[in-house]
Amino acid sequence: MTLRSFRDTVDTYHGGFQLDDLYGVVEGPSLSDGILDTAGGWMRVESGVRHGRADVRLEIWDSDPPPAPAPWTAAGESAYLSAGGIVTMGDDEGERSLGALVLGPPCFLYGVRAHRVPPARGSDGDFWEDPRQAHVLLRFWPLRDVFDPAPHARPAGLREDAAALPSGYVPSMDWPVLRERTAPPPRDGSGPDVTGDPYPWRTLARHRCRTRIRHDLDPAGAPVSTVRRQDLAASRPPDPGTSHRVTVAGRAIVTVLAADGDLLTVRDATRAESARVVAAERAWPA
């Protein structure tokens, strides 16, 4: 079943485009198959069109997806190791899309299957579809939890020879973001004030992206609250999708849904999300 999807177009100056994590970096093996070249938190997709555009659709499924229907043709299969669980795409000149797709939890390995539609020719050999426009479909699905508190939750500033203690972390596939939405998205409040903004369309697009990520990270519609960034015990940036212990008011563990400066929108962490925080505390006791 398809959980979420995202579609955008991207320039293909050198025959392809990039896909990478919106938040965080992670080390991983380099893999290649068909039009896909993947590494930790990064992917190169060959579109077959130089100096043109690619119409790209990204999908995240709850399990291994079926073959895409015609006219899509299979074009490669690989694995994608995601640091932050949220991906975006961009061209070879460094220009990123203003949208993103929530794959799932951070520090997860996802399968990815590529499809494309080759430019079609009529019976007379002429293109009846723009040959400068590529069509690419990337379908992702969760494979396994690869979080390890030793490298992934290591506090900044530790000496190089510092070693993590046993954490007892047990990987889990039971994550809210990997399940179908059971509550309607909440009604959006007012958007940002773009008075005097020279690029209001860009500001509004980024606001819509942040709002969509917030909704996708809370598919059950759990109650949300606001905390200050300095009130979290965070050894890494409290990016959306990450979980941290609050240092005040009962020391609850929360999952970040959105950030607005020093204010963070959060919900209570689930059992799987909390387990990572507890494992990190055991591995790296203060």
Protein backbone atom coordinates (compact mmCIF):
# COMPACT_ATOMS: atom_id res chain seq x y z
CA MET A 1 0.00 0.00 0.00
CA THR A 2 1.24 3.47 -0.86
CA LEU A 3 1.71 5.57 2.26
CA ARG A 4 2.84 8.87 0.76
CA SER A 5 3.99 10.31 -2.55
CA PHE A 6 5.64 13.43 -3.89
CA ARG A 7 6.06 14.75 -7.41
CA ASP A 8 8.21 17.49 -8.89
CA THR A 9 10.32 18.32 -11.92
CA VAL A 10 14.07 18.77 -11.89
CA ASP A 11 16.65 19.92 -14.44
CA THR A 12 18.95 17.27 -15.93
CA TYR A 13 21.98 19.27 -16.99
CA HIS A 14 24.25 16.24 -17.20
CA GLY A 15 21.80 13.44 -17.86
CA GLY A 16 20.45 12.93 -14.36
CA PHE A 17 19.62 14.34 -10.95
CA GLN A 18 20.37 13.83 -7.26
CA LEU A 19 18.28 12.62 -4.37
CA ASP A 20 19.52 13.05 -0.81
CA ASP A 21 18.53 13.34 2.83
CA LEU A 22 16.97 16.62 3.86
CA TYR A 23 18.43 16.21 7.37
CA GLY A 24 21.64 14.52 8.43
CA VAL A 25 24.36 12.44 6.83
CA VAL A 26 25.30 8.81 7.30
CA GLU A 27 28.03 6.53 6.01
CA GLY A 28 26.98 3.58 3.90
CA PRO A 29 28.09 1.29 1.06
CA SER A 30 28.03 2.43 -2.55
CA LEU A 31 25.66 0.42 -4.76
CA SER A 32 24.80 0.58 -8.44
CA ASP A 33 22.03 -0.98 -10.52
CA GLY A 34 20.38 0.24 -13.69
CA ILE A 35 19.88 4.01 -13.50
CA LEU A 36 20.59 4.09 -9.74
CA ASP A 37 23.84 4.83 -7.93
CA THR A 38 23.35 4.99 -4.16
CA ALA A 39 25.48 5.71 -1.12
CA GLY A 40 24.71 6.64 2.48
CA GLY A 41 22.10 9.43 2.40
CA TRP A 42 22.65 10.15 -1.30
CA MET A 43 21.50 8.85 -4.67
CA ARG A 44 22.26 9.62 -8.31
CA VAL A 45 19.53 8.85 -10.85
CA GLU A 46 20.33 8.78 -14.57
CA SER A 47 17.40 10.09 -16.56
CA GLY A 48 18.68 9.44 -20.08
CA VAL A 49 18.00 13.07 -21.02
CA ARG A 50 20.76 15.67 -21.16
CA HIS A 51 20.03 19.36 -20.85
CA GLY A 52 16.34 18.69 -20.28
CA ARG A 53 13.90 18.05 -17.46
CA ALA A 54 12.77 15.03 -15.47
CA ASP A 55 9.24 14.59 -14.20
CA VAL A 56 9.91 12.63 -11.01
CA ARG A 57 7.45 10.81 -8.76
CA LEU A 58 8.60 9.47 -5.40
CA GLU A 59 6.50 6.96 -3.43
CA ILE A 60 6.92 5.22 -0.07
CA TRP A 61 5.11 1.91 0.37
CA ASP A 62 4.53 -0.06 3.56
CA SER A 63 6.14 -3.16 2.01
CA ASP A 64 7.76 -4.38 -1.21
CA PRO A 65 5.63 -2.73 -3.93
CA PRO A 66 4.28 -4.52 -7.01
CA PRO A 67 5.63 -3.84 -10.50
CA ALA A 68 4.55 -0.47 -11.84
CA PRO A 69 1.95 -0.69 -14.64
CA ALA A 70 2.67 0.17 -18.27
CA PRO A 71 4.02 2.41 -19.70
CA TRP A 72 6.55 2.29 -16.85
CA THR A 73 9.50 -0.03 -17.43
CA ALA A 74 11.86 -1.40 -14.76
CA ALA A 75 15.13 0.54 -14.64
CA GLY A 76 17.02 -0.63 -11.56
CA GLU A 77 16.75 -1.67 -7.93
CA SER A 78 18.96 -0.82 -4.96
CA ALA A 79 18.97 0.00 -1.24
CA TYR A 80 19.02 3.47 0.25
CA LEU A 81 20.43 4.15 3.73
CA SER A 82 18.71 7.25 5.10
CA ALA A 83 20.06 9.31 7.98
CA GLY A 84 16.99 11.47 8.54
CA GLY A 85 14.14 9.54 6.91
CA ILE A 86 13.14 12.56 4.79
CA VAL A 87 14.44 13.01 1.23
CA THR A 88 14.42 15.71 -1.42
CA MET A 89 15.86 15.99 -4.89
CA GLY A 90 17.94 18.48 -6.82
CA ASP A 91 19.88 19.12 -9.98
CA ASP A 92 23.60 18.87 -10.64
CA GLU A 93 24.05 22.59 -9.99
CA GLY A 94 22.95 22.28 -6.34
CA GLU A 95 19.40 23.63 -6.74
CA ARG A 96 17.01 21.67 -4.48
CA SER A 97 13.32 21.02 -4.78
CA LEU A 98 11.14 23.00 -2.38
CA GLY A 99 9.30 19.82 -1.44
CA ALA A 100 10.26 16.55 0.23
CA LEU A 101 9.02 13.03 0.95
CA VAL A 102 8.90 11.44 4.40
CA LEU A 103 10.20 7.90 3.91
CA GLY A 104 9.98 6.87 7.53
CA PRO A 105 12.24 6.70 10.60
CA PRO A 106 15.79 8.06 10.57
CA CYS A 107 18.67 5.57 10.40
CA PHE A 108 16.69 3.10 8.32
CA LEU A 109 17.50 1.06 5.25
CA TYR A 110 14.97 1.35 2.46
CA GLY A 111 14.60 -0.62 -0.74
CA VAL A 112 14.18 1.47 -3.88
CA ARG A 113 12.98 0.38 -7.30
CA ALA A 114 13.33 2.67 -10.32
CA HIS A 115 11.05 2.88 -13.35
CA ARG A 116 11.04 5.18 -16.33
CA VAL A 117 9.09 5.85 -19.51
CA PRO A 118 11.39 6.16 -22.53
CA PRO A 119 10.47 8.97 -24.97
CA ALA A 120 7.94 7.48 -27.37
CA ARG A 121 8.16 7.55 -31.19
CA GLY A 122 5.35 7.43 -33.66
CA SER A 123 5.18 5.06 -36.63
CA ASP A 124 7.07 7.59 -38.76
CA GLY A 125 9.96 7.63 -36.30
CA ASP A 126 9.28 11.13 -35.01
CA PHE A 127 8.87 11.80 -31.31
CA TRP A 128 5.28 12.41 -30.31
CA GLU A 129 6.45 13.22 -26.79
CA ASP A 130 9.09 15.82 -25.93
CA PRO A 131 12.44 13.94 -26.02
CA ARG A 132 13.88 16.50 -23.59
CA GLN A 133 11.42 15.42 -20.87
CA ALA A 134 12.20 12.27 -18.87
CA HIS A 135 9.70 10.46 -16.65
CA VAL A 136 11.05 8.67 -13.57
CA LEU A 137 9.26 6.78 -10.79
CA LEU A 138 11.11 5.78 -7.60
CA ARG A 139 9.28 3.44 -5.22
CA PHE A 140 10.71 3.01 -1.70
CA TRP A 141 9.81 0.57 1.05
CA PRO A 142 11.27 -0.10 4.54
CA LEU A 143 13.75 -2.94 4.86
CA ARG A 144 15.16 -2.75 8.39
CA ASP A 145 16.10 -0.56 11.32
CA VAL A 146 19.87 0.03 11.26
CA PHE A 147 20.15 2.44 14.21
CA ASP A 148 23.21 1.88 16.38
CA PRO A 149 23.70 4.29 19.31
CA ALA A 150 27.48 3.92 19.15
CA PRO A 151 27.94 5.85 15.85
CA HIS A 152 24.48 7.39 15.38
CA ALA A 153 24.05 8.95 18.84
CA ARG A 154 27.65 9.71 19.70
CA PRO A 155 27.76 13.07 21.54
CA ALA A 156 29.76 15.78 19.88
CA GLY A 157 33.09 16.67 21.44
CA LEU A 158 34.05 13.25 22.79
CA ARG A 159 37.65 12.20 22.49
CA GLU A 160 38.32 9.84 19.60
CA ASP A 161 39.08 6.80 21.75
CA ALA A 162 35.85 7.04 23.78
CA ALA A 163 33.84 3.81 23.47
CA ALA A 164 30.11 3.27 23.85
CA LEU A 165 28.71 1.03 26.57
CA PRO A 166 26.30 -1.83 25.75
CA SER A 167 22.90 -0.31 25.07
CA GLY A 168 20.60 -3.30 24.65
CA TYR A 169 18.92 -1.66 21.65
CA VAL A 170 16.49 -3.92 19.79
CA PRO A 171 15.66 -2.82 16.21
CA SER A 172 11.97 -2.35 15.50
CA MET A 173 9.65 -2.11 12.49
CA ASP A 174 6.76 -0.76 14.57
CA TRP A 175 6.86 2.94 13.74
CA PRO A 176 3.84 5.25 13.31
CA VAL A 177 5.31 6.79 10.17
CA LEU A 178 5.37 3.34 8.53
CA ARG A 179 1.62 2.89 9.00
CA GLU A 180 -1.37 4.24 7.10
CA ARG A 181 -2.75 7.58 8.27
CA THR A 182 -5.71 7.03 10.61
CA ALA A 183 -6.55 10.67 11.35
CA PRO A 184 -7.21 13.51 8.90
CA PRO A 185 -4.48 16.14 8.71
CA PRO A 186 -5.25 19.04 11.06
CA ARG A 187 -6.41 22.26 9.54
CA ASP A 188 -3.52 24.56 8.78
CA GLY A 189 -3.25 27.87 10.53
CA SER A 190 -2.30 31.07 8.85
CA GLY A 191 0.78 31.03 6.66
CA PRO A 192 3.86 33.19 7.05
CA ASP A 193 3.68 36.92 6.46
CA VAL A 194 5.26 37.53 3.06
CA THR A 195 4.78 41.30 3.04
CA GLY A 196 7.89 42.77 1.47
CA ASP A 197 9.29 39.30 0.73
CA PRO A 198 11.07 39.41 -2.65
CA TYR A 199 10.40 35.67 -3.13
CA PRO A 200 6.98 35.03 -1.55
CA TRP A 201 6.36 31.91 -3.63
CA ARG A 202 9.53 30.31 -2.25
CA THR A 203 8.65 31.19 1.36
CA LEU A 204 5.12 29.81 0.98
CA ALA A 205 6.37 26.63 -0.71
CA ARG A 206 8.80 25.97 2.13
CA HIS A 207 6.01 26.58 4.64
CA ARG A 208 3.80 24.04 2.86
CA CYS A 209 6.65 21.53 2.87
CA ARG A 210 7.28 21.93 6.62
CA THR A 211 3.54 21.62 7.29
CA ARG A 212 3.28 18.46 5.23
CA ILE A 213 6.26 16.89 6.99
CA ARG A 214 4.69 17.70 10.36
CA HIS A 215 1.44 15.99 9.37
CA ASP A 216 3.20 12.94 7.91
CA LEU A 217 5.22 12.42 11.11
CA ASP A 218 1.98 12.27 13.13
CA PRO A 219 -0.32 9.97 11.10
CA ALA A 220 -2.47 9.04 14.11
CA GLY A 221 -3.17 12.67 14.98
CA ALA A 222 -1.59 12.52 18.45
CA PRO A 223 -1.80 15.64 20.63
CA VAL A 224 1.06 18.06 20.05
CA SER A 225 2.77 20.62 22.25
CA THR A 226 5.59 23.15 22.02
CA VAL A 227 8.96 23.01 23.75
CA ARG A 228 12.06 25.15 23.55
CA ARG A 229 15.07 23.78 21.75
CA GLN A 230 17.26 24.33 24.83
CA ASP A 231 14.93 22.17 26.92
CA LEU A 232 15.87 19.03 24.99
CA ALA A 233 18.82 16.78 25.84
CA ALA A 234 19.95 16.58 22.22
CA SER A 235 23.44 15.52 21.19
CA ARG A 236 22.41 16.04 17.56
CA PRO A 237 20.21 18.70 15.93
CA PRO A 238 16.54 18.12 16.88
CA ASP A 239 15.41 17.78 13.28
CA PRO A 240 11.87 16.66 12.39
CA GLY A 241 11.51 12.93 12.91
CA THR A 242 14.12 12.67 15.68
CA SER A 243 13.31 11.91 19.32
CA HIS A 244 14.82 13.43 22.47
CA ARG A 245 14.34 13.61 26.22
CA VAL A 246 12.89 16.81 27.64
CA THR A 247 15.03 18.06 30.53
CA VAL A 248 12.11 19.71 32.38
CA ALA A 249 8.57 18.82 33.45
CA GLY A 250 8.91 15.10 34.12
CA ARG A 251 11.68 14.34 31.60
CA ALA A 252 9.34 12.93 28.97
CA ILE A 253 10.62 11.68 25.61
CA VAL A 254 9.17 13.47 22.59
CA THR A 255 9.42 13.30 18.80
CA VAL A 256 10.02 16.52 16.90
CA LEU A 257 7.47 17.30 14.19
CA ALA A 258 8.49 20.83 13.18
CA ALA A 259 10.89 23.61 14.11
CA ASP A 260 10.35 27.35 14.12
CA GLY A 261 13.52 28.96 15.40
CA ASP A 262 13.94 27.92 19.04
CA LEU A 263 10.38 26.59 19.30
CA LEU A 264 9.73 22.95 18.43
CA THR A 265 6.38 21.28 17.81
CA VAL A 266 6.47 17.81 19.38
CA ARG A 267 4.32 14.83 20.30
CA ASP A 268 4.92 12.06 22.82
CA ALA A 269 7.37 9.50 21.46
CA THR A 270 6.14 5.97 20.82
CA ARG A 271 7.76 2.88 22.32
CA ALA A 272 10.08 2.33 19.33
CA GLU A 273 11.08 6.01 19.23
CA SER A 274 11.70 6.11 22.99
CA ALA A 275 13.82 2.95 22.81
CA ARG A 276 16.42 4.78 20.73
CA VAL A 277 16.70 7.59 23.26
CA VAL A 278 17.04 5.15 26.16
CA ALA A 279 19.66 3.14 24.21
CA ALA A 280 21.64 6.32 23.53
CA GLU A 281 21.56 7.23 27.23
CA ARG A 282 22.89 3.79 28.14
CA ALA A 283 25.58 3.86 25.48
CA TRP A 284 26.71 7.39 26.34
CA PRO A 285 25.87 8.11 29.99
CA ALA A 286 26.39 11.72 31.04
